C-alpha atoms as a PDB file:
ATOM      1  CA  UNK A   1      53.379 -19.811   8.682  1.00  0.00           C
ATOM      2  CA  UNK A   2      54.131 -19.566   4.972  1.00  0.00           C
ATOM      3  CA  UNK A   3      57.512 -18.005   5.790  1.00  0.00           C
ATOM      4  CA  UNK A   4      58.363 -21.001   7.975  1.00  0.00           C
ATOM      5  CA  UNK A   5      57.376 -23.345   5.149  1.00  0.00           C
ATOM      6  CA  UNK A   6      59.525 -21.417   2.692  1.00  0.00           C
ATOM      7  CA  UNK A   7      62.448 -21.546   5.104  1.00  0.00           C
ATOM      8  CA  UNK A   8      61.974 -25.301   5.549  1.00  0.00           C
ATOM      9  CA  UNK A   9      61.943 -25.789   1.801  1.00  0.00           C
ATOM     10  CA  UNK A  10      65.056 -23.683   1.339  1.00  0.00           C
ATOM     11  CA  UNK A  11      66.838 -25.661   4.066  1.00  0.00           C
ATOM     12  CA  UNK A  12      65.982 -28.961   2.395  1.00  0.00           C
ATOM     13  CA  UNK A  13      66.792 -27.961  -1.163  1.00  0.00           C
ATOM     14  CA  UNK A  14      70.255 -27.852  -2.648  1.00  0.00           C
ATOM     15  CA  UNK A  15      71.504 -24.291  -3.052  1.00  0.00           C
ATOM     16  CA  UNK A  16      72.079 -24.814  -6.766  1.00  0.00           C
ATOM     17  CA  UNK A  17      68.387 -24.671  -7.606  1.00  0.00           C
ATOM     18  CA  UNK A  18      66.767 -21.991  -5.396  1.00  0.00           C
ATOM     19  CA  UNK A  19      64.626 -20.506  -8.168  1.00  0.00           C
ATOM     20  CA  UNK A  20      62.824 -23.806  -8.641  1.00  0.00           C
ATOM     21  CA  UNK A  21      61.787 -24.191  -5.062  1.00  0.00           C
ATOM     22  CA  UNK A  22      60.554 -20.852  -3.776  1.00  0.00           C
ATOM     23  CA  UNK A  23      57.329 -19.058  -4.602  1.00  0.00           C
ATOM     24  CA  UNK A  24      58.931 -15.847  -5.761  1.00  0.00           C
ATOM     25  CA  UNK A  25      59.094 -14.395  -9.263  1.00  0.00           C
ATOM     26  CA  UNK A  26      61.456 -17.173 -10.353  1.00  0.00           C
ATOM     27  CA  UNK A  27      59.566 -20.013  -8.664  1.00  0.00           C
ATOM     28  CA  UNK A  28      57.194 -20.764 -11.487  1.00  0.00           C
ATOM     29  CA  UNK A  29      58.279 -24.412 -11.530  1.00  0.00           C
ATOM     30  CA  UNK A  30      57.204 -24.862  -7.930  1.00  0.00           C
ATOM     31  CA  UNK A  31      53.925 -23.068  -8.624  1.00  0.00           C
ATOM     32  CA  UNK A  32      53.260 -25.118 -11.762  1.00  0.00           C
ATOM     33  CA  UNK A  33      54.117 -28.361  -9.974  1.00  0.00           C
ATOM     34  CA  UNK A  34      51.772 -27.435  -7.128  1.00  0.00           C
ATOM     35  CA  UNK A  35      48.971 -26.971  -9.686  1.00  0.00           C
ATOM     36  CA  UNK A  36      49.791 -30.348 -11.200  1.00  0.00           C
ATOM     37  CA  UNK A  37      49.759 -31.996  -7.783  1.00  0.00           C
ATOM     38  CA  UNK A  38      46.416 -30.363  -7.064  1.00  0.00           C
ATOM     39  CA  UNK A  39      44.986 -31.928 -10.230  1.00  0.00           C
ATOM     40  CA  UNK A  40      46.116 -35.465  -9.420  1.00  0.00           C
ATOM     41  CA  UNK A  41      45.045 -35.169  -5.781  1.00  0.00           C
ATOM     42  CA  UNK A  42      41.437 -34.179  -6.475  1.00  0.00           C
ATOM     43  CA  UNK A  43      40.121 -37.723  -6.493  1.00  0.00           C
ATOM     44  CA  UNK A  44      42.086 -38.873  -3.454  1.00  0.00           C
ATOM     45  CA  UNK A  45      45.638 -40.097  -3.321  1.00  0.00           C
ATOM     46  CA  UNK A  46      47.362 -39.945  -6.693  1.00  0.00           C
ATOM     47  CA  UNK A  47      47.680 -43.288  -8.422  1.00  0.00           C
ATOM     48  CA  UNK A  48      51.047 -44.742  -9.349  1.00  0.00           C
ATOM     49  CA  UNK A  49      50.287 -43.943 -13.005  1.00  0.00           C
ATOM     50  CA  UNK A  50      49.651 -40.302 -12.117  1.00  0.00           C
ATOM     51  CA  UNK A  51      52.810 -40.094  -9.996  1.00  0.00           C
ATOM     52  CA  UNK A  52      54.938 -41.552 -12.785  1.00  0.00           C
ATOM     53  CA  UNK A  53      53.346 -39.216 -15.326  1.00  0.00           C
ATOM     54  CA  UNK A  54      54.050 -36.199 -13.104  1.00  0.00           C
ATOM     55  CA  UNK A  55      57.677 -37.235 -12.644  1.00  0.00           C
ATOM     56  CA  UNK A  56      58.059 -37.752 -16.399  1.00  0.00           C
ATOM     57  CA  UNK A  57      56.441 -34.414 -17.252  1.00  0.00           C
ATOM     58  CA  UNK A  58      58.708 -32.525 -14.888  1.00  0.00           C
ATOM     59  CA  UNK A  59      61.819 -34.246 -16.169  1.00  0.00           C
ATOM     60  CA  UNK A  60      60.993 -33.700 -19.832  1.00  0.00           C
ATOM     61  CA  UNK A  61      59.170 -30.358 -19.856  1.00  0.00           C
ATOM     62  CA  UNK A  62      61.346 -28.611 -17.272  1.00  0.00           C
ATOM     63  CA  UNK A  63      64.487 -30.509 -18.343  1.00  0.00           C
ATOM     64  CA  UNK A  64      65.240 -31.734 -14.822  1.00  0.00           C
ATOM     65  CA  UNK A  65      67.103 -34.777 -13.645  1.00  0.00           C
ATOM     66  CA  UNK A  66      65.135 -37.346 -11.640  1.00  0.00           C
ATOM     67  CA  UNK A  67      66.461 -36.215  -8.240  1.00  0.00           C
ATOM     68  CA  UNK A  68      65.649 -32.539  -8.848  1.00  0.00           C
ATOM     69  CA  UNK A  69      62.181 -33.444 -10.130  1.00  0.00           C
ATOM     70  CA  UNK A  70      61.577 -35.539  -7.008  1.00  0.00           C
ATOM     71  CA  UNK A  71      62.653 -32.670  -4.736  1.00  0.00           C
ATOM     72  CA  UNK A  72      60.397 -30.327  -6.679  1.00  0.00           C
ATOM     73  CA  UNK A  73      57.460 -32.707  -6.210  1.00  0.00           C
ATOM     74  CA  UNK A  74      58.141 -32.988  -2.474  1.00  0.00           C
ATOM     75  CA  UNK A  75      58.354 -29.216  -2.069  1.00  0.00           C
ATOM     76  CA  UNK A  76      55.280 -28.574  -4.201  1.00  0.00           C
ATOM     77  CA  UNK A  77      53.300 -31.157  -2.231  1.00  0.00           C
ATOM     78  CA  UNK A  78      54.018 -29.213   0.970  1.00  0.00           C
ATOM     79  CA  UNK A  79      53.145 -25.882  -0.605  1.00  0.00           C
ATOM     80  CA  UNK A  80      49.996 -27.226  -2.272  1.00  0.00           C
ATOM     81  CA  UNK A  81      48.798 -28.655   1.039  1.00  0.00           C
ATOM     82  CA  UNK A  82      48.964 -25.194   2.626  1.00  0.00           C
ATOM     83  CA  UNK A  83      47.240 -23.345  -0.221  1.00  0.00           C
ATOM     84  CA  UNK A  84      43.683 -22.109   0.064  1.00  0.00           C
ATOM     85  CA  UNK A  85      43.206 -21.371  -3.624  1.00  0.00           C
ATOM     86  CA  UNK A  86      44.886 -21.532  -7.017  1.00  0.00           C
ATOM     87  CA  UNK A  87      45.649 -17.820  -7.207  1.00  0.00           C
ATOM     88  CA  UNK A  88      48.789 -18.099  -5.086  1.00  0.00           C
ATOM     89  CA  UNK A  89      50.289 -20.368  -7.761  1.00  0.00           C
ATOM     90  CA  UNK A  90      48.827 -18.801 -10.881  1.00  0.00           C
ATOM     91  CA  UNK A  91      49.942 -15.302  -9.870  1.00  0.00           C
ATOM     92  CA  UNK A  92      53.566 -16.495  -9.688  1.00  0.00           C
ATOM     93  CA  UNK A  93      53.208 -18.141 -13.082  1.00  0.00           C
ATOM     94  CA  UNK A  94      51.624 -15.019 -14.591  1.00  0.00           C
ATOM     95  CA  UNK A  95      54.573 -12.893 -13.433  1.00  0.00           C
ATOM     96  CA  UNK A  96      57.160 -15.364 -14.694  1.00  0.00           C
ATOM     97  CA  UNK A  97      55.923 -17.199 -17.769  1.00  0.00           C
ATOM     98  CA  UNK A  98      54.938 -16.015 -21.235  1.00  0.00           C
ATOM     99  CA  UNK A  99      51.750 -17.100 -23.007  1.00  0.00           C
ATOM    100  CA  UNK A 100      53.378 -20.113 -24.666  1.00  0.00           C
ATOM    101  CA  UNK A 101      54.661 -21.314 -21.305  1.00  0.00           C
ATOM    102  CA  UNK A 102      51.229 -20.915 -19.717  1.00  0.00           C
ATOM    103  CA  UNK A 103      49.711 -22.955 -22.541  1.00  0.00           C
ATOM    104  CA  UNK A 104      52.267 -25.690 -21.839  1.00  0.00           C
ATOM    105  CA  UNK A 105      51.285 -25.740 -18.165  1.00  0.00           C
ATOM    106  CA  UNK A 106      47.609 -26.181 -19.074  1.00  0.00           C
ATOM    107  CA  UNK A 107      48.635 -28.924 -21.501  1.00  0.00           C
ATOM    108  CA  UNK A 108      50.548 -30.640 -18.685  1.00  0.00           C
ATOM    109  CA  UNK A 109      47.457 -30.396 -16.481  1.00  0.00           C
ATOM    110  CA  UNK A 110      45.383 -32.105 -19.178  1.00  0.00           C
ATOM    111  CA  UNK A 111      48.023 -34.817 -19.574  1.00  0.00           C
ATOM    112  CA  UNK A 112      47.699 -35.582 -15.874  1.00  0.00           C
ATOM    113  CA  UNK A 113      43.898 -35.485 -16.024  1.00  0.00           C
ATOM    114  CA  UNK A 114      43.953 -38.103 -18.783  1.00  0.00           C
ATOM    115  CA  UNK A 115      46.789 -40.160 -17.234  1.00  0.00           C
ATOM    116  CA  UNK A 116      44.538 -42.491 -15.238  1.00  0.00           C
ATOM    117  CA  UNK A 117      42.009 -42.879 -18.049  1.00  0.00           C
ATOM    118  CA  UNK A 118      39.184 -41.235 -16.093  1.00  0.00           C
ATOM    119  CA  UNK A 119      38.310 -37.565 -16.451  1.00  0.00           C
ATOM    120  CA  UNK A 120      36.144 -36.202 -13.654  1.00  0.00           C
ATOM    121  CA  UNK A 121      34.172 -32.990 -13.607  1.00  0.00           C
ATOM    122  CA  UNK A 122      36.291 -31.823 -10.664  1.00  0.00           C
ATOM    123  CA  UNK A 123      39.479 -32.229 -12.694  1.00  0.00           C
ATOM    124  CA  UNK A 124      37.964 -30.406 -15.649  1.00  0.00           C
ATOM    125  CA  UNK A 125      36.807 -27.621 -13.347  1.00  0.00           C
ATOM    126  CA  UNK A 126      40.270 -27.129 -11.850  1.00  0.00           C
ATOM    127  CA  UNK A 127      41.868 -26.947 -15.288  1.00  0.00           C
ATOM    128  CA  UNK A 128      39.198 -24.451 -16.351  1.00  0.00           C
ATOM    129  CA  UNK A 129      39.811 -22.263 -13.273  1.00  0.00           C
ATOM    130  CA  UNK A 130      43.597 -22.455 -13.635  1.00  0.00           C
ATOM    131  CA  UNK A 131      43.377 -21.618 -17.343  1.00  0.00           C
ATOM    132  CA  UNK A 132      41.166 -18.650 -16.572  1.00  0.00           C
ATOM    133  CA  UNK A 133      43.616 -17.372 -13.939  1.00  0.00           C
ATOM    134  CA  UNK A 134      46.500 -17.914 -16.378  1.00  0.00           C
ATOM    135  CA  UNK A 135      44.742 -15.908 -19.119  1.00  0.00           C
ATOM    136  CA  UNK A 136      44.431 -18.967 -21.344  1.00  0.00           C
ATOM    137  CA  UNK A 137      41.355 -18.613 -23.530  1.00  0.00           C
ATOM    138  CA  UNK A 138      38.511 -21.108 -23.444  1.00  0.00           C
ATOM    139  CA  UNK A 139      39.272 -21.943 -27.062  1.00  0.00           C
ATOM    140  CA  UNK A 140      42.906 -22.739 -26.285  1.00  0.00           C
ATOM    141  CA  UNK A 141      41.954 -24.723 -23.164  1.00  0.00           C
ATOM    142  CA  UNK A 142      39.460 -26.841 -25.120  1.00  0.00           C
ATOM    143  CA  UNK A 143      41.860 -27.304 -28.044  1.00  0.00           C
ATOM    144  CA  UNK A 144      44.568 -28.492 -25.641  1.00  0.00           C
ATOM    145  CA  UNK A 145      42.108 -30.903 -24.034  1.00  0.00           C
ATOM    146  CA  UNK A 146      41.188 -32.352 -27.429  1.00  0.00           C
ATOM    147  CA  UNK A 147      44.826 -32.587 -28.460  1.00  0.00           C
ATOM    148  CA  UNK A 148      45.824 -34.440 -25.288  1.00  0.00           C
ATOM    149  CA  UNK A 149      42.767 -36.712 -25.511  1.00  0.00           C
ATOM    150  CA  UNK A 150      43.688 -37.598 -29.106  1.00  0.00           C
ATOM    151  CA  UNK A 151      47.292 -38.317 -28.114  1.00  0.00           C
ATOM    152  CA  UNK A 152      46.073 -40.444 -25.218  1.00  0.00           C
ATOM    153  CA  UNK A 153      43.811 -42.519 -27.459  1.00  0.00           C
ATOM    154  CA  UNK A 154      46.682 -43.030 -29.925  1.00  0.00           C
ATOM    155  CA  UNK A 155      49.035 -44.313 -27.236  1.00  0.00           C
ATOM    156  CA  UNK A 156      46.440 -46.321 -25.306  1.00  0.00           C
ATOM    157  CA  UNK A 157      44.718 -48.832 -27.610  1.00  0.00           C
ATOM    158  CA  UNK A 158      42.228 -49.697 -24.830  1.00  0.00           C
ATOM    159  CA  UNK A 159      40.530 -46.288 -25.350  1.00  0.00           C
END
């Protein structure tokens, strides 16, 4: 079934960006995006604020144009919907991304958690589990959370 999904994704995606849209050693962007989608989907359908934040993060952090980021989101949504756990995604990231890159992914997860202004225990738990699977220390995970929370309160005067 996963092979059929991969084939579908490869048929839909432009041939110029295959490494972004397959879950192989080079598909860390798809894996990371699937983790991000998982975070914003925990409390039901993602809000418009969360969707915009995800699009913006992908465009800026992965240096993608809007169309490529949108395709990546669509592909990752399909893959995330089929996943039974986070390991499928984190194992790809572990094989492909250095420590600094893994820290950036956890930071992106926190940015999405804080995007709607409400942090739930489920969201915190998913970031904790993903960080653990990505070999990000508790200290680094907590420091990133505090950093993102501080940035959020600076940019959102309502907080």
